[in-house]
Amino acid sequence: MSIDLPADVQLIVDWAISSGRCADEADVVRQALHLFEQFERRRADLKSQIENGIHSGPSLPAEMVFGELERFAHDLAAGSAGKP
């Protein structure tokens, strides 16, 4: 396979090889594709989590949630978190 890269991308490839990060151009491509695959899997996982959240039932107002968190943080700082 042969591809033409823009000059700025070619500089990154050259740096990866000259710095010893990658053995050759094929190694740069393999690592880039591996990172792309990880990114896409994570994106799909997040999308699934968002969909699950949307369909999980009614939500709470943000003000209520943050108010609870602020009270908990205050109690934690005061040493009384989790005490009746």
C-alpha atoms as a PDB file:
ATOM      1  CA  MET A   1       0.000   0.000   0.000  1.00  0.00           C
ATOM      2  CA  SER A   2       1.204   3.449  -0.790  1.00  0.00           C
ATOM      3  CA  ILE A   3      -0.369   6.625   0.539  1.00  0.00           C
ATOM      4  CA  ASP A   4       0.426  10.300   0.167  1.00  0.00           C
ATOM      5  CA  LEU A   5       0.460  12.200   3.440  1.00  0.00           C
ATOM      6  CA  PRO A   6       0.253  15.934   4.004  1.00  0.00           C
ATOM      7  CA  ALA A   7       3.608  17.430   5.001  1.00  0.00           C
ATOM      8  CA  ASP A   8       2.562  17.999   8.633  1.00  0.00           C
ATOM      9  CA  VAL A   9       1.481  14.372   9.020  1.00  0.00           C
ATOM     10  CA  GLN A  10       4.663  13.133   7.377  1.00  0.00           C
ATOM     11  CA  LEU A  11       6.645  15.133   9.944  1.00  0.00           C
ATOM     12  CA  ILE A  12       4.847  13.251  12.723  1.00  0.00           C
ATOM     13  CA  VAL A  13       5.624   9.924  11.047  1.00  0.00           C
ATOM     14  CA  ASP A  14       9.273  10.905  10.607  1.00  0.00           C
ATOM     15  CA  TRP A  15       9.499  12.031  14.239  1.00  0.00           C
ATOM     16  CA  ALA A  16       7.948   8.768  15.490  1.00  0.00           C
ATOM     17  CA  ILE A  17      10.586   6.795  13.614  1.00  0.00           C
ATOM     18  CA  SER A  18      13.593   9.014  14.383  1.00  0.00           C
ATOM     19  CA  SER A  19      12.712   9.156  18.072  1.00  0.00           C
ATOM     20  CA  GLY A  20      12.588   5.380  18.256  1.00  0.00           C
ATOM     21  CA  ARG A  21       8.907   5.375  19.167  1.00  0.00           C
ATOM     22  CA  CYS A  22       8.156   3.332  16.033  1.00  0.00           C
ATOM     23  CA  ALA A  23      10.380   1.050  14.000  1.00  0.00           C
ATOM     24  CA  ASP A  24       9.182   2.136  10.561  1.00  0.00           C
ATOM     25  CA  GLU A  25       6.263   3.645   8.670  1.00  0.00           C
ATOM     26  CA  ALA A  26       4.258   0.428   8.865  1.00  0.00           C
ATOM     27  CA  ASP A  27       4.690   0.436  12.653  1.00  0.00           C
ATOM     28  CA  VAL A  28       3.400   4.027  12.799  1.00  0.00           C
ATOM     29  CA  VAL A  29       0.317   2.998  10.822  1.00  0.00           C
ATOM     30  CA  ARG A  30      -0.245  -0.117  12.980  1.00  0.00           C
ATOM     31  CA  GLN A  31      -0.058   1.909  16.180  1.00  0.00           C
ATOM     32  CA  ALA A  32      -2.291   4.653  14.788  1.00  0.00           C
ATOM     33  CA  LEU A  33      -4.894   2.099  13.708  1.00  0.00           C
ATOM     34  CA  HIS A  34      -4.709   0.407  17.098  1.00  0.00           C
ATOM     35  CA  LEU A  35      -5.400   3.745  18.810  1.00  0.00           C
ATOM     36  CA  PHE A  36      -8.209   4.460  16.355  1.00  0.00           C
ATOM     37  CA  GLU A  37      -9.772   1.081  17.152  1.00  0.00           C
ATOM     38  CA  GLN A  38      -9.532   1.765  20.900  1.00  0.00           C
ATOM     39  CA  PHE A  39     -11.106   5.191  20.378  1.00  0.00           C
ATOM     40  CA  GLU A  40     -13.977   3.750  18.352  1.00  0.00           C
ATOM     41  CA  ARG A  41     -14.639   1.032  20.944  1.00  0.00           C
ATOM     42  CA  ARG A  42     -14.685   3.604  23.728  1.00  0.00           C
ATOM     43  CA  ARG A  43     -16.978   5.855  21.698  1.00  0.00           C
ATOM     44  CA  ALA A  44     -19.384   2.971  21.080  1.00  0.00           C
ATOM     45  CA  ASP A  45     -19.294   2.061  24.786  1.00  0.00           C
ATOM     46  CA  LEU A  46     -20.050   5.648  25.817  1.00  0.00           C
ATOM     47  CA  LYS A  47     -22.871   5.841  23.285  1.00  0.00           C
ATOM     48  CA  SER A  48     -24.329   2.646  24.723  1.00  0.00           C
ATOM     49  CA  GLN A  49     -24.025   3.979  28.276  1.00  0.00           C
ATOM     50  CA  ILE A  50     -25.777   7.195  27.266  1.00  0.00           C
ATOM     51  CA  GLU A  51     -28.593   5.219  25.627  1.00  0.00           C
ATOM     52  CA  ASN A  52     -28.918   3.048  28.743  1.00  0.00           C
ATOM     53  CA  GLY A  53     -29.071   6.170  30.895  1.00  0.00           C
ATOM     54  CA  ILE A  54     -31.721   7.754  28.718  1.00  0.00           C
ATOM     55  CA  HIS A  55     -33.900   4.655  29.000  1.00  0.00           C
ATOM     56  CA  SER A  56     -33.196   3.928  32.680  1.00  0.00           C
ATOM     57  CA  GLY A  57     -36.085   5.957  34.023  1.00  0.00           C
ATOM     58  CA  PRO A  58     -36.734   9.448  35.264  1.00  0.00           C
ATOM     59  CA  SER A  59     -33.799  11.698  35.951  1.00  0.00           C
ATOM     60  CA  LEU A  60     -33.134  14.005  38.878  1.00  0.00           C
ATOM     61  CA  PRO A  61     -32.656  17.750  38.539  1.00  0.00           C
ATOM     62  CA  ALA A  62     -28.967  18.706  38.479  1.00  0.00           C
ATOM     63  CA  GLU A  63     -29.529  21.207  41.303  1.00  0.00           C
ATOM     64  CA  MET A  64     -30.729  18.376  43.550  1.00  0.00           C
ATOM     65  CA  VAL A  65     -27.784  16.122  42.716  1.00  0.00           C
ATOM     66  CA  PHE A  66     -25.175  18.860  43.152  1.00  0.00           C
ATOM     67  CA  GLY A  67     -26.836  20.001  46.375  1.00  0.00           C
ATOM     68  CA  GLU A  68     -26.526  16.478  47.761  1.00  0.00           C
ATOM     69  CA  LEU A  69     -22.879  16.323  46.666  1.00  0.00           C
ATOM     70  CA  GLU A  70     -22.110  19.683  48.281  1.00  0.00           C
ATOM     71  CA  ARG A  71     -23.718  18.570  51.555  1.00  0.00           C
ATOM     72  CA  PHE A  72     -21.784  15.303  51.454  1.00  0.00           C
ATOM     73  CA  ALA A  73     -18.491  17.114  50.761  1.00  0.00           C
ATOM     74  CA  HIS A  74     -19.190  19.541  53.588  1.00  0.00           C
ATOM     75  CA  ASP A  75     -20.008  16.675  55.973  1.00  0.00           C
ATOM     76  CA  LEU A  76     -16.910  14.784  54.823  1.00  0.00           C
ATOM     77  CA  ALA A  77     -14.703  17.818  55.469  1.00  0.00           C
ATOM     78  CA  ALA A  78     -16.312  18.221  58.892  1.00  0.00           C
ATOM     79  CA  GLY A  79     -15.696  14.547  59.652  1.00  0.00           C
ATOM     80  CA  SER A  80     -19.369  13.648  59.922  1.00  0.00           C
ATOM     81  CA  ALA A  81     -19.991  11.990  56.559  1.00  0.00           C
ATOM     82  CA  GLY A  82     -21.944   8.766  56.836  1.00  0.00           C
ATOM     83  CA  LYS A  83     -22.862   9.328  60.473  1.00  0.00           C
ATOM     84  CA  PRO A  84     -26.544   9.342  61.408  1.00  0.00           C
END
